[in-house]
Protein backbone atom coordinates (compact mmCIF):
# COMPACT_ATOMS: atom_id res chain seq x y z
CA MET A 1 13.84 0.09 9.61
CA SER A 2 17.17 -1.65 9.31
CA ALA A 3 17.45 -1.51 5.53
CA PRO A 4 20.67 -0.17 4.03
CA THR A 5 20.73 3.55 3.41
CA GLY A 6 20.52 3.14 -0.38
CA ARG A 7 17.38 1.03 -0.08
CA ARG A 8 15.82 3.51 2.37
CA ARG A 9 16.47 6.31 -0.11
CA ALA A 10 15.00 4.28 -2.97
CA ILE A 11 11.89 3.51 -0.90
CA ALA A 12 11.50 7.18 0.04
CA LYS A 13 11.84 8.22 -3.61
CA ALA A 14 9.34 5.59 -4.79
CA LEU A 15 6.90 6.59 -2.06
CA THR A 16 7.08 10.28 -2.92
CA ALA A 17 6.64 9.51 -6.62
CA LEU A 18 3.65 7.21 -6.01
CA LEU A 19 1.82 9.22 -3.33
CA PRO A 20 2.63 12.91 -3.56
CA LEU A 21 -0.22 14.03 -1.26
CA ALA A 22 -0.49 11.19 1.23
CA PRO A 23 -0.66 12.24 4.90
CA TYR A 24 2.63 12.01 6.79
CA ALA A 25 1.41 9.37 9.27
CA ASP A 26 0.26 7.10 6.45
CA MET A 27 3.49 7.61 4.51
CA GLU A 28 5.59 6.72 7.55
CA LYS A 29 3.69 3.47 8.11
CA ILE A 30 3.93 2.58 4.42
CA ARG A 31 7.66 3.43 4.42
CA ALA A 32 8.25 1.14 7.40
CA ASP A 33 6.22 -1.69 5.86
CA ALA A 34 8.01 -1.37 2.50
CA GLY A 35 11.35 -1.62 4.31
CA ALA A 36 10.38 -4.75 6.25
CA VAL A 37 12.57 -7.83 6.01
CA HIS A 38 10.01 -9.82 4.01
CA MET A 39 10.01 -7.10 1.33
CA LYS A 40 13.78 -6.77 0.89
CA SER A 41 13.96 -9.11 -2.10
CA LEU A 42 11.51 -6.89 -4.02
CA PRO A 43 12.44 -3.77 -5.97
CA PRO A 44 11.62 -0.65 -3.90
CA THR A 45 8.82 0.43 -6.25
CA ILE A 46 7.05 -2.93 -5.88
CA ALA A 47 7.58 -3.00 -2.10
CA VAL A 48 6.09 0.49 -1.81
CA TRP A 49 3.10 -0.43 -3.98
CA LEU A 50 2.33 -3.60 -2.00
CA ALA A 51 2.78 -1.81 1.33
CA THR A 52 0.54 1.02 0.14
CA ILE A 53 -2.29 -1.25 -0.96
CA ALA A 54 -2.12 -3.32 2.23
CA HIS A 55 -2.07 -0.19 4.41
CA ILE A 56 -5.01 1.44 2.67
CA ARG A 57 -6.98 -1.80 2.67
CA HIS A 58 -6.52 -2.40 6.41
CA VAL A 59 -6.75 1.20 7.66
CA HIS A 60 -8.97 3.11 5.23
CA THR A 61 -11.54 0.57 3.99
CA ASP A 62 -14.10 -1.93 5.28
CA TYR A 63 -11.75 -4.86 4.52
CA GLU A 64 -11.35 -6.00 8.14
CA LYS A 65 -15.11 -5.74 8.70
CA LEU A 66 -15.80 -7.88 5.63
CA LEU A 67 -13.34 -10.51 6.81
CA ALA A 68 -15.00 -10.52 10.24
CA GLU A 69 -18.36 -11.05 8.53
CA GLY A 70 -17.01 -14.21 6.87
CA TYR A 71 -15.96 -13.03 3.43
CA ASP A 72 -12.84 -14.70 2.04
CA ARG A 73 -9.81 -12.51 1.28
CA ASP A 74 -10.37 -12.32 -2.47
CA SER A 75 -14.03 -11.34 -2.10
CA ALA A 76 -13.23 -8.74 0.57
CA ARG A 77 -10.48 -7.31 -1.63
CA PHE A 78 -12.88 -7.08 -4.55
CA PHE A 79 -15.50 -5.24 -2.50
CA VAL A 80 -13.02 -2.64 -1.18
CA MET A 81 -11.32 -1.92 -4.51
CA GLU A 82 -13.38 1.23 -5.10
CA GLN A 83 -12.65 2.53 -1.58
CA THR A 84 -8.95 1.77 -2.10
CA ASN A 85 -8.87 3.67 -5.39
CA SER A 86 -10.74 6.56 -3.78
CA VAL A 87 -7.98 6.92 -1.19
CA LEU A 88 -5.30 6.61 -3.88
CA THR A 89 -7.04 9.33 -5.88
CA ARG A 90 -7.25 11.64 -2.84
CA TRP A 91 -3.53 11.16 -2.34
CA ARG A 92 -2.92 11.88 -6.06
CA ALA A 93 -1.39 8.46 -6.60
CA THR A 94 0.25 7.85 -9.94
CA ARG A 95 -1.28 4.37 -10.10
CA LEU A 96 -4.64 2.85 -9.18
CA LEU A 97 -5.59 -0.68 -8.24
CA GLU A 98 -7.04 -2.68 -11.14
CA ASP A 99 -9.20 -5.82 -11.28
CA ASN A 100 -6.35 -7.88 -12.66
CA ASP A 101 -3.69 -6.76 -10.15
CA GLU A 102 -2.28 -9.78 -8.38
CA GLU A 103 -0.71 -9.57 -4.97
């Protein structure tokens, strides 16, 4: 991650606040994704949230399988919302994904 030190610290703080019990390997991937170039214009808390949801969706749910079966992105996202929130709950997240969340 080539983000400035202040941004890295802000991302680390936001990640710890959002996901106090997430496994280290997941947190490191989310941290790297939140610090990516395409996220640098976003506030650290938003970058961490978006990186978290994308990571959980792709790694811990049936999202990829649904896409492979022909579902469009919005439908696949709808069908994995409960799985996503289950992972967030296990990690004691301070926020859950809602129906009206836009990405």
